[in-house]
Amino acid sequence: MPHLDLELVFRMASRGKSETGKLKQNMEEQLDRLMQQLQDLEECREELDDEEYEETKKETLEQLSEFNESLKKVMSGNMTLVDELGGMQLAIQAAISQAFKTPEVIRLFAKKQPGQLRTRLAEMDRDMMVGKLPRDQYTQQKVEILTALRKLGEKLTAEDEAFLAANASTTLSQFEKVTANLGSEDKILALASSGVEKTQA
């Protein structure tokens, strides 16, 4: 029997891992660009009339849908990528359905950064207490962060669970319901497909 070239096997495995890493980085960079577009749009909200704002937002959400389609194709049949990029898929779905409206929260959700999400929440608590953050914005962003944390497998306090139950919007509740117990590739891809179809309808 021919000897197995272990060096070749290790090299191939290493190359596969490297390619997965590069692909993930490329996807994260594309998502960052789209999230920056959304953030810039919100920051310029006062300078745009309603029609310009809605049109630009619609275009960005359409780009997110296209990105979602690309992500779905890339992940199809590759369980390593499903594991790596599953959080990104959920975050994009949250953005497309407009269950989440805060670009920075979507970005941290996509990159699976529960620590940074908790840090942002602590900063928001402080800003709200000193009057730097309006209560309605605080409530919306806190609900998004708590939902993202729960989706990332983080345990919430009873107080946070109660806040979420009392303040979650209908859209967010629907997102929570549809994505409950997601884990398999089929479920994640089915969710992404339904989001794209709704956006294109």
C-alpha atoms as a PDB file:
ATOM      1  CA  MET A   1       0.000   0.000   0.000  1.00  0.00           C
ATOM      2  CA  PRO A   2       1.313   3.493  -0.802  1.00  0.00           C
ATOM      3  CA  HIS A   3       2.304   5.614   2.181  1.00  0.00           C
ATOM      4  CA  LEU A   4       0.027   8.534   2.962  1.00  0.00           C
ATOM      5  CA  ASP A   5       1.864  11.824   2.583  1.00  0.00           C
ATOM      6  CA  LEU A   6       1.016  13.370   5.965  1.00  0.00           C
ATOM      7  CA  GLU A   7       2.750  16.610   5.089  1.00  0.00           C
ATOM      8  CA  LEU A   8       0.481  16.948   2.039  1.00  0.00           C
ATOM      9  CA  VAL A   9      -2.613  16.186   4.127  1.00  0.00           C
ATOM     10  CA  PHE A  10      -1.640  18.799   6.730  1.00  0.00           C
ATOM     11  CA  ARG A  11      -0.882  21.297   3.983  1.00  0.00           C
ATOM     12  CA  MET A  12      -4.289  20.719   2.368  1.00  0.00           C
ATOM     13  CA  ALA A  13      -6.092  20.981   5.714  1.00  0.00           C
ATOM     14  CA  SER A  14      -4.179  24.157   6.510  1.00  0.00           C
ATOM     15  CA  ARG A  15      -5.013  25.612   3.091  1.00  0.00           C
ATOM     16  CA  GLY A  16      -8.697  24.747   3.575  1.00  0.00           C
ATOM     17  CA  LYS A  17      -8.692  26.474   6.953  1.00  0.00           C
ATOM     18  CA  SER A  18      -6.874  29.466   5.499  1.00  0.00           C
ATOM     19  CA  GLU A  19      -9.373  29.761   2.632  1.00  0.00           C
ATOM     20  CA  THR A  20     -12.287  29.562   5.082  1.00  0.00           C
ATOM     21  CA  GLY A  21     -10.657  32.319   7.149  1.00  0.00           C
ATOM     22  CA  LYS A  22     -10.175  34.527   4.080  1.00  0.00           C
ATOM     23  CA  LEU A  23     -13.752  33.921   2.960  1.00  0.00           C
ATOM     24  CA  LYS A  24     -15.077  34.795   6.405  1.00  0.00           C
ATOM     25  CA  GLN A  25     -12.961  37.977   6.451  1.00  0.00           C
ATOM     26  CA  ASN A  26     -14.236  38.943   3.002  1.00  0.00           C
ATOM     27  CA  MET A  27     -17.858  38.430   4.089  1.00  0.00           C
ATOM     28  CA  GLU A  28     -17.289  40.457   7.269  1.00  0.00           C
ATOM     29  CA  GLU A  29     -15.776  43.307   5.240  1.00  0.00           C
ATOM     30  CA  GLN A  30     -18.788  43.345   2.900  1.00  0.00           C
ATOM     31  CA  LEU A  31     -21.167  43.345   5.872  1.00  0.00           C
ATOM     32  CA  ASP A  32     -19.181  46.168   7.529  1.00  0.00           C
ATOM     33  CA  ARG A  33     -19.540  48.249   4.358  1.00  0.00           C
ATOM     34  CA  LEU A  34     -23.314  47.738   4.246  1.00  0.00           C
ATOM     35  CA  MET A  35     -23.688  48.472   7.955  1.00  0.00           C
ATOM     36  CA  GLN A  36     -21.643  51.652   7.497  1.00  0.00           C
ATOM     37  CA  GLN A  37     -24.029  52.678   4.714  1.00  0.00           C
ATOM     38  CA  LEU A  38     -26.986  52.202   7.062  1.00  0.00           C
ATOM     39  CA  GLN A  39     -25.226  54.084   9.847  1.00  0.00           C
ATOM     40  CA  ASP A  40     -24.291  56.991   7.554  1.00  0.00           C
ATOM     41  CA  LEU A  41     -27.889  57.111   6.351  1.00  0.00           C
ATOM     42  CA  GLU A  42     -29.248  57.361   9.912  1.00  0.00           C
ATOM     43  CA  GLU A  43     -26.694  60.045  10.796  1.00  0.00           C
ATOM     44  CA  CYS A  44     -27.728  62.119   7.738  1.00  0.00           C
ATOM     45  CA  ARG A  45     -31.437  61.548   8.350  1.00  0.00           C
ATOM     46  CA  GLU A  46     -32.153  65.214   9.108  1.00  0.00           C
ATOM     47  CA  GLU A  47     -30.496  66.370   5.874  1.00  0.00           C
ATOM     48  CA  LEU A  48     -32.655  64.171   3.621  1.00  0.00           C
ATOM     49  CA  ASP A  49     -36.307  64.477   2.745  1.00  0.00           C
ATOM     50  CA  ASP A  50     -38.515  61.448   3.444  1.00  0.00           C
ATOM     51  CA  GLU A  51     -38.454  60.199  -0.152  1.00  0.00           C
ATOM     52  CA  GLU A  52     -34.640  60.324  -0.396  1.00  0.00           C
ATOM     53  CA  TYR A  53     -34.267  58.603   2.956  1.00  0.00           C
ATOM     54  CA  GLU A  54     -36.707  55.792   2.137  1.00  0.00           C
ATOM     55  CA  GLU A  55     -35.256  55.259  -1.343  1.00  0.00           C
ATOM     56  CA  THR A  56     -31.667  55.078  -0.059  1.00  0.00           C
ATOM     57  CA  LYS A  57     -32.665  52.745   2.755  1.00  0.00           C
ATOM     58  CA  LYS A  58     -34.553  50.509   0.342  1.00  0.00           C
ATOM     59  CA  GLU A  59     -31.481  50.315  -1.925  1.00  0.00           C
ATOM     60  CA  THR A  60     -29.263  49.350   1.017  1.00  0.00           C
ATOM     61  CA  LEU A  61     -31.718  46.664   2.171  1.00  0.00           C
ATOM     62  CA  GLU A  62     -31.805  45.303  -1.387  1.00  0.00           C
ATOM     63  CA  GLN A  63     -27.995  45.122  -1.319  1.00  0.00           C
ATOM     64  CA  LEU A  64     -28.260  43.254   1.977  1.00  0.00           C
ATOM     65  CA  SER A  65     -30.671  40.797   0.347  1.00  0.00           C
ATOM     66  CA  GLU A  66     -28.203  40.231  -2.506  1.00  0.00           C
ATOM     67  CA  PHE A  67     -25.421  39.730   0.029  1.00  0.00           C
ATOM     68  CA  ASN A  68     -27.673  37.278   1.873  1.00  0.00           C
ATOM     69  CA  GLU A  69     -28.105  35.290  -1.349  1.00  0.00           C
ATOM     70  CA  SER A  70     -24.326  35.181  -1.871  1.00  0.00           C
ATOM     71  CA  LEU A  71     -23.828  34.058   1.710  1.00  0.00           C
ATOM     72  CA  LYS A  72     -26.434  31.336   1.302  1.00  0.00           C
ATOM     73  CA  LYS A  73     -24.673  29.967  -1.796  1.00  0.00           C
ATOM     74  CA  VAL A  74     -21.281  30.043  -0.098  1.00  0.00           C
ATOM     75  CA  MET A  75     -22.603  28.226   2.981  1.00  0.00           C
ATOM     76  CA  SER A  76     -24.582  25.609   1.076  1.00  0.00           C
ATOM     77  CA  GLY A  77     -23.283  22.142   1.930  1.00  0.00           C
ATOM     78  CA  ASN A  78     -20.327  23.467   3.948  1.00  0.00           C
ATOM     79  CA  MET A  79     -20.976  22.825   7.644  1.00  0.00           C
ATOM     80  CA  THR A  80     -17.729  24.563   8.669  1.00  0.00           C
ATOM     81  CA  LEU A  81     -18.964  27.775   7.066  1.00  0.00           C
ATOM     82  CA  VAL A  82     -22.465  27.292   8.489  1.00  0.00           C
ATOM     83  CA  ASP A  83     -20.861  27.210  11.930  1.00  0.00           C
ATOM     84  CA  GLU A  84     -18.616  30.191  11.155  1.00  0.00           C
ATOM     85  CA  LEU A  85     -21.180  32.349   9.382  1.00  0.00           C
ATOM     86  CA  GLY A  86     -24.491  31.244  10.928  1.00  0.00           C
ATOM     87  CA  GLY A  87     -24.523  34.252  13.254  1.00  0.00           C
ATOM     88  CA  MET A  88     -23.952  36.559  10.306  1.00  0.00           C
ATOM     89  CA  GLN A  89     -26.885  34.934   8.490  1.00  0.00           C
ATOM     90  CA  LEU A  90     -29.205  35.599  11.439  1.00  0.00           C
ATOM     91  CA  ALA A  91     -27.969  39.172  11.835  1.00  0.00           C
ATOM     92  CA  ILE A  92     -28.570  39.922   8.149  1.00  0.00           C
ATOM     93  CA  GLN A  93     -32.041  38.400   8.409  1.00  0.00           C
ATOM     94  CA  ALA A  94     -32.730  40.680  11.390  1.00  0.00           C
ATOM     95  CA  ALA A  95     -31.628  43.690   9.333  1.00  0.00           C
ATOM     96  CA  ILE A  96     -33.613  42.743   6.213  1.00  0.00           C
ATOM     97  CA  SER A  97     -36.816  42.198   8.197  1.00  0.00           C
ATOM     98  CA  GLN A  98     -36.021  45.437  10.073  1.00  0.00           C
ATOM     99  CA  ALA A  99     -36.409  43.608  13.376  1.00  0.00           C
ATOM    100  CA  PHE A 100     -33.018  45.213  14.167  1.00  0.00           C
ATOM    101  CA  LYS A 101     -32.452  48.835  13.164  1.00  0.00           C
ATOM    102  CA  THR A 102     -29.134  49.685  14.856  1.00  0.00           C
ATOM    103  CA  PRO A 103     -26.199  49.029  12.475  1.00  0.00           C
ATOM    104  CA  GLU A 104     -23.603  48.650  15.237  1.00  0.00           C
ATOM    105  CA  VAL A 105     -25.731  46.067  17.076  1.00  0.00           C
ATOM    106  CA  ILE A 106     -26.250  44.132  13.815  1.00  0.00           C
ATOM    107  CA  ARG A 107     -22.500  44.225  13.189  1.00  0.00           C
ATOM    108  CA  LEU A 108     -21.626  42.884  16.651  1.00  0.00           C
ATOM    109  CA  PHE A 109     -24.358  40.232  16.383  1.00  0.00           C
ATOM    110  CA  ALA A 110     -22.989  39.107  13.001  1.00  0.00           C
ATOM    111  CA  LYS A 111     -19.458  38.835  14.385  1.00  0.00           C
ATOM    112  CA  LYS A 112     -20.616  36.938  17.490  1.00  0.00           C
ATOM    113  CA  GLN A 113     -19.302  39.519  19.965  1.00  0.00           C
ATOM    114  CA  PRO A 114     -21.405  39.090  23.138  1.00  0.00           C
ATOM    115  CA  GLY A 115     -18.772  40.830  25.282  1.00  0.00           C
ATOM    116  CA  GLN A 116     -18.875  43.972  23.122  1.00  0.00           C
ATOM    117  CA  LEU A 117     -22.680  43.866  23.061  1.00  0.00           C
ATOM    118  CA  ARG A 118     -22.722  43.831  26.882  1.00  0.00           C
ATOM    119  CA  THR A 119     -20.206  46.711  26.955  1.00  0.00           C
ATOM    120  CA  ARG A 120     -22.427  48.733  24.626  1.00  0.00           C
ATOM    121  CA  LEU A 121     -25.432  47.997  26.832  1.00  0.00           C
ATOM    122  CA  ALA A 122     -23.569  49.251  29.919  1.00  0.00           C
ATOM    123  CA  GLU A 123     -22.600  52.443  28.063  1.00  0.00           C
ATOM    124  CA  MET A 124     -26.222  52.949  27.018  1.00  0.00           C
ATOM    125  CA  ASP A 125     -27.413  52.514  30.624  1.00  0.00           C
ATOM    126  CA  ARG A 126     -24.989  55.255  31.649  1.00  0.00           C
ATOM    127  CA  ASP A 127     -25.936  57.562  28.746  1.00  0.00           C
ATOM    128  CA  MET A 128     -29.634  57.186  29.484  1.00  0.00           C
ATOM    129  CA  MET A 129     -29.130  58.008  33.161  1.00  0.00           C
ATOM    130  CA  VAL A 130     -27.319  61.271  32.351  1.00  0.00           C
ATOM    131  CA  GLY A 131     -29.811  62.225  29.631  1.00  0.00           C
ATOM    132  CA  LYS A 132     -27.531  61.683  26.626  1.00  0.00           C
ATOM    133  CA  LEU A 133     -29.747  58.956  25.102  1.00  0.00           C
ATOM    134  CA  PRO A 134     -33.519  59.389  24.635  1.00  0.00           C
ATOM    135  CA  ARG A 135     -35.601  56.674  26.302  1.00  0.00           C
ATOM    136  CA  ASP A 136     -37.201  55.467  23.048  1.00  0.00           C
ATOM    137  CA  GLN A 137     -33.782  54.931  21.407  1.00  0.00           C
ATOM    138  CA  TYR A 138     -32.508  53.287  24.592  1.00  0.00           C
ATOM    139  CA  THR A 139     -35.456  50.875  24.671  1.00  0.00           C
ATOM    140  CA  GLN A 140     -35.152  49.932  20.994  1.00  0.00           C
ATOM    141  CA  GLN A 141     -31.404  49.329  21.158  1.00  0.00           C
ATOM    142  CA  LYS A 142     -31.573  47.464  24.471  1.00  0.00           C
ATOM    143  CA  VAL A 143     -34.218  45.101  23.062  1.00  0.00           C
ATOM    144  CA  GLU A 144     -32.023  44.469  20.000  1.00  0.00           C
ATOM    145  CA  ILE A 145     -28.943  43.782  22.134  1.00  0.00           C
ATOM    146  CA  LEU A 146     -30.798  41.435  24.498  1.00  0.00           C
ATOM    147  CA  THR A 147     -32.282  39.541  21.541  1.00  0.00           C
ATOM    148  CA  ALA A 148     -28.836  39.254  19.928  1.00  0.00           C
ATOM    149  CA  LEU A 149     -27.322  38.010  23.196  1.00  0.00           C
ATOM    150  CA  ARG A 150     -30.032  35.381  23.537  1.00  0.00           C
ATOM    151  CA  LYS A 151     -29.490  34.241  19.933  1.00  0.00           C
ATOM    152  CA  LEU A 152     -25.753  33.938  20.662  1.00  0.00           C
ATOM    153  CA  GLY A 153     -26.539  31.560  23.531  1.00  0.00           C
ATOM    154  CA  GLU A 154     -25.947  34.051  26.348  1.00  0.00           C
ATOM    155  CA  LYS A 155     -27.997  33.728  29.526  1.00  0.00           C
ATOM    156  CA  LEU A 156     -30.137  36.754  30.361  1.00  0.00           C
ATOM    157  CA  THR A 157     -31.133  37.859  33.854  1.00  0.00           C
ATOM    158  CA  ALA A 158     -34.798  37.620  34.885  1.00  0.00           C
ATOM    159  CA  GLU A 159     -34.877  41.431  34.770  1.00  0.00           C
ATOM    160  CA  ASP A 160     -33.589  41.482  31.168  1.00  0.00           C
ATOM    161  CA  GLU A 161     -36.060  38.768  30.130  1.00  0.00           C
ATOM    162  CA  ALA A 162     -38.905  40.835  31.607  1.00  0.00           C
ATOM    163  CA  PHE A 163     -37.666  43.981  29.803  1.00  0.00           C
ATOM    164  CA  LEU A 164     -37.542  42.056  26.526  1.00  0.00           C
ATOM    165  CA  ALA A 165     -41.033  40.632  26.975  1.00  0.00           C
ATOM    166  CA  ALA A 166     -42.471  44.053  27.795  1.00  0.00           C
ATOM    167  CA  ASN A 167     -40.780  46.019  25.009  1.00  0.00           C
ATOM    168  CA  ALA A 168     -40.184  43.745  21.995  1.00  0.00           C
ATOM    169  CA  SER A 169     -41.878  45.004  18.831  1.00  0.00           C
ATOM    170  CA  THR A 170     -44.156  42.775  16.761  1.00  0.00           C
ATOM    171  CA  THR A 171     -41.454  42.486  14.085  1.00  0.00           C
ATOM    172  CA  LEU A 172     -38.837  41.517  16.635  1.00  0.00           C
ATOM    173  CA  SER A 173     -41.159  38.992  18.292  1.00  0.00           C
ATOM    174  CA  GLN A 174     -41.817  37.428  14.884  1.00  0.00           C
ATOM    175  CA  PHE A 175     -38.073  37.256  14.191  1.00  0.00           C
ATOM    176  CA  GLU A 176     -37.561  35.641  17.609  1.00  0.00           C
ATOM    177  CA  LYS A 177     -40.299  33.095  16.939  1.00  0.00           C
ATOM    178  CA  VAL A 178     -39.153  32.181  13.426  1.00  0.00           C
ATOM    179  CA  THR A 179     -35.524  31.786  14.468  1.00  0.00           C
ATOM    180  CA  ALA A 180     -36.183  29.887  17.705  1.00  0.00           C
ATOM    181  CA  ASN A 181     -33.941  26.842  18.043  1.00  0.00           C
ATOM    182  CA  LEU A 182     -32.214  27.408  14.730  1.00  0.00           C
ATOM    183  CA  GLY A 183     -29.143  25.319  14.367  1.00  0.00           C
ATOM    184  CA  SER A 184     -29.199  23.197  11.253  1.00  0.00           C
ATOM    185  CA  GLU A 185     -28.010  24.444   7.893  1.00  0.00           C
ATOM    186  CA  ASP A 186     -31.432  23.748   6.344  1.00  0.00           C
ATOM    187  CA  LYS A 187     -33.241  25.931   8.881  1.00  0.00           C
ATOM    188  CA  ILE A 188     -30.783  28.797   8.552  1.00  0.00           C
ATOM    189  CA  LEU A 189     -30.907  28.710   4.756  1.00  0.00           C
ATOM    190  CA  ALA A 190     -34.712  28.439   4.733  1.00  0.00           C
ATOM    191  CA  LEU A 191     -34.917  31.493   6.986  1.00  0.00           C
ATOM    192  CA  ALA A 192     -32.584  33.440   4.711  1.00  0.00           C
ATOM    193  CA  SER A 193     -34.646  32.502   1.654  1.00  0.00           C
ATOM    194  CA  SER A 194     -37.904  33.622   3.243  1.00  0.00           C
ATOM    195  CA  GLY A 195     -36.346  36.972   4.166  1.00  0.00           C
ATOM    196  CA  VAL A 196     -35.176  37.575   0.612  1.00  0.00           C
ATOM    197  CA  GLU A 197     -38.555  36.631  -0.843  1.00  0.00           C
ATOM    198  CA  LYS A 198     -40.367  39.045   1.506  1.00  0.00           C
ATOM    199  CA  THR A 199     -37.974  41.872   0.638  1.00  0.00           C
ATOM    200  CA  GLN A 200     -38.349  41.299  -3.089  1.00  0.00           C
ATOM    201  CA  ALA A 201     -42.147  40.968  -2.934  1.00  0.00           C
END
